[in-house]
């Protein structure tokens, strides 16, 4: 990679990634204190143990951040997605979250989240080209 005035740019090694994250956390500490991050991982299985859906999220700095909500296509509109989302939000409140945020795409679940009280706060056009990435949030308390 480029070398400018004695500074070499190179791909990050795993230990570099760890050091960068530690440095950023140290810099942020005076502003946010000892920020705790808690994982929220909930799945739904049938009687035979098959995975039917699930939600993956984190709670940090008073916010629930939803990363993945998936329900098998044949089980959509059955209430399973709503049950997963509500269980996740309930757990997030127990962990001290006051609000939630997520992102979705225009072909995914914007109407689903809107029905659950989420509101759009930003859209990125052409992400991917011809579509939008939609950012939504909701107060939990």
Protein backbone atom coordinates (compact mmCIF):
# COMPACT_ATOMS: atom_id res chain seq x y z
CA UNK A 1 0.00 0.00 0.00
CA UNK A 2 0.95 3.67 -0.11
CA UNK A 3 3.93 5.02 1.76
CA UNK A 4 3.68 8.76 2.47
CA UNK A 5 6.33 10.70 4.41
CA UNK A 6 7.61 7.61 6.21
CA UNK A 7 4.13 6.28 7.04
CA UNK A 8 3.29 2.88 5.58
CA UNK A 9 -0.30 1.70 5.11
CA UNK A 10 -0.80 -2.06 5.34
CA UNK A 11 -3.56 -4.60 5.92
CA UNK A 12 -4.48 -4.86 9.61
CA UNK A 13 -3.40 -7.96 11.51
CA UNK A 14 -5.73 -9.42 14.18
CA UNK A 15 -3.62 -7.89 16.97
CA UNK A 16 -3.85 -4.50 15.21
CA UNK A 17 -7.64 -4.74 15.20
CA UNK A 18 -7.65 -5.53 18.91
CA UNK A 19 -5.30 -2.61 19.68
CA UNK A 20 -7.36 -0.18 17.58
CA UNK A 21 -10.57 -1.15 19.36
CA UNK A 22 -8.90 -0.91 22.78
CA UNK A 23 -7.52 2.53 21.90
CA UNK A 24 -10.90 3.79 20.76
CA UNK A 25 -12.59 2.44 23.91
CA UNK A 26 -9.96 4.15 26.08
CA UNK A 27 -10.57 7.45 24.21
CA UNK A 28 -14.37 7.10 24.65
CA UNK A 29 -14.27 6.19 28.36
CA UNK A 30 -14.37 9.82 29.70
CA UNK A 31 -17.56 10.37 27.69
CA UNK A 32 -19.43 7.08 28.23
CA UNK A 33 -17.83 5.52 31.31
CA UNK A 34 -17.28 1.77 31.42
CA UNK A 35 -19.71 0.91 28.66
CA UNK A 36 -21.05 -2.60 28.95
CA UNK A 37 -22.27 -4.46 25.89
CA UNK A 38 -24.71 -7.32 26.25
CA UNK A 39 -25.71 -9.77 23.57
CA UNK A 40 -29.34 -10.68 22.98
CA UNK A 41 -29.64 -13.92 21.02
CA UNK A 42 -33.05 -15.61 20.74
CA UNK A 43 -34.07 -18.46 18.45
CA UNK A 44 -37.29 -20.34 17.71
CA UNK A 45 -37.23 -24.10 17.08
CA UNK A 46 -39.91 -26.63 16.26
CA UNK A 47 -40.54 -29.84 18.25
CA UNK A 48 -37.84 -31.64 16.22
CA UNK A 49 -35.29 -28.91 16.94
CA UNK A 50 -35.27 -27.32 13.48
CA UNK A 51 -34.38 -23.63 13.49
CA UNK A 52 -37.42 -21.58 12.45
CA UNK A 53 -36.12 -18.09 13.08
CA UNK A 54 -34.19 -15.89 15.42
CA UNK A 55 -32.99 -12.46 16.37
CA UNK A 56 -29.43 -11.29 17.04
CA UNK A 57 -28.90 -7.97 18.77
CA UNK A 58 -26.72 -6.09 21.24
CA UNK A 59 -27.44 -3.61 24.00
CA UNK A 60 -24.88 -0.88 24.64
CA UNK A 61 -24.99 2.75 25.79
CA UNK A 62 -28.72 2.48 26.47
CA UNK A 63 -29.57 1.31 22.95
CA UNK A 64 -30.73 -1.98 21.52
CA UNK A 65 -29.14 -2.53 18.12
CA UNK A 66 -30.83 -5.24 16.08
CA UNK A 67 -28.50 -6.91 13.60
CA UNK A 68 -30.50 -9.89 12.32
CA UNK A 69 -34.15 -10.89 12.49
CA UNK A 70 -34.95 -13.94 10.37
CA UNK A 71 -38.08 -16.06 10.06
CA UNK A 72 -38.35 -18.97 7.63
CA UNK A 73 -40.44 -17.80 4.65
CA UNK A 74 -43.26 -20.29 5.25
CA UNK A 75 -43.73 -18.97 8.80
CA UNK A 76 -43.89 -15.27 8.00
CA UNK A 77 -47.16 -13.52 8.93
CA UNK A 78 -47.77 -16.11 11.67
CA UNK A 79 -46.68 -13.87 14.55
CA UNK A 80 -43.30 -15.56 15.02
CA UNK A 81 -41.36 -12.48 13.91
CA UNK A 82 -43.41 -10.30 16.25
CA UNK A 83 -42.81 -12.71 19.14
CA UNK A 84 -39.05 -12.67 18.50
CA UNK A 85 -38.94 -8.87 18.24
CA UNK A 86 -41.04 -8.38 21.39
CA UNK A 87 -38.92 -10.85 23.38
CA UNK A 88 -35.77 -9.06 22.24
CA UNK A 89 -37.13 -5.63 23.18
CA UNK A 90 -38.26 -6.96 26.58
CA UNK A 91 -34.78 -8.35 27.28
CA UNK A 92 -33.20 -5.08 26.11
CA UNK A 93 -35.35 -3.12 28.58
CA UNK A 94 -34.19 -5.48 31.36
CA UNK A 95 -30.61 -4.65 30.31
CA UNK A 96 -31.32 -0.91 30.55
CA UNK A 97 -32.05 0.00 26.93
CA UNK A 98 -34.24 3.07 26.45
CA UNK A 99 -34.31 2.95 22.62
CA UNK A 100 -33.72 0.63 19.68
CA UNK A 101 -32.23 1.01 16.23
CA UNK A 102 -31.92 -1.20 13.19
CA UNK A 103 -31.42 -1.07 9.49
CA UNK A 104 -33.19 -2.94 6.73
CA UNK A 105 -33.48 -2.70 2.97
CA UNK A 106 -36.42 -1.44 0.96
CA UNK A 107 -37.24 -5.00 -0.18
CA UNK A 108 -37.09 -6.42 3.34
CA UNK A 109 -39.10 -5.56 6.45
CA UNK A 110 -39.73 -1.80 6.70
CA UNK A 111 -43.55 -2.25 6.95
CA UNK A 112 -43.12 -4.97 9.61
CA UNK A 113 -40.97 -2.73 11.80
CA UNK A 114 -43.27 0.27 11.24
CA UNK A 115 -46.17 -1.84 12.58
CA UNK A 116 -44.10 -2.35 15.73
CA UNK A 117 -43.53 1.37 16.29
CA UNK A 118 -40.24 1.89 14.48
CA UNK A 119 -39.84 5.11 12.50
CA UNK A 120 -37.46 5.88 9.66
CA UNK A 121 -34.73 8.35 10.58
CA UNK A 122 -32.56 7.99 7.48
CA UNK A 123 -32.41 6.42 4.04
CA UNK A 124 -29.38 5.79 1.88
CA UNK A 125 -30.17 5.71 -1.81
CA UNK A 126 -28.51 3.36 -4.27
CA UNK A 127 -27.52 1.00 -1.44
CA UNK A 128 -27.34 -1.29 -3.41
CA UNK A 129 -27.91 0.48 -6.74
CA UNK A 130 -31.62 0.89 -7.40
CA UNK A 131 -32.56 0.25 -3.76
CA UNK A 132 -32.43 1.94 -0.35
CA UNK A 133 -30.97 1.02 2.99
CA UNK A 134 -33.48 2.14 5.61
CA UNK A 135 -32.51 3.13 9.17
CA UNK A 136 -35.23 2.99 11.84
CA UNK A 137 -35.51 3.64 15.56
CA UNK A 138 -37.98 3.35 18.42
CA UNK A 139 -38.23 4.45 22.05
CA UNK A 140 -38.52 1.43 24.32
CA UNK A 141 -39.50 3.23 27.53
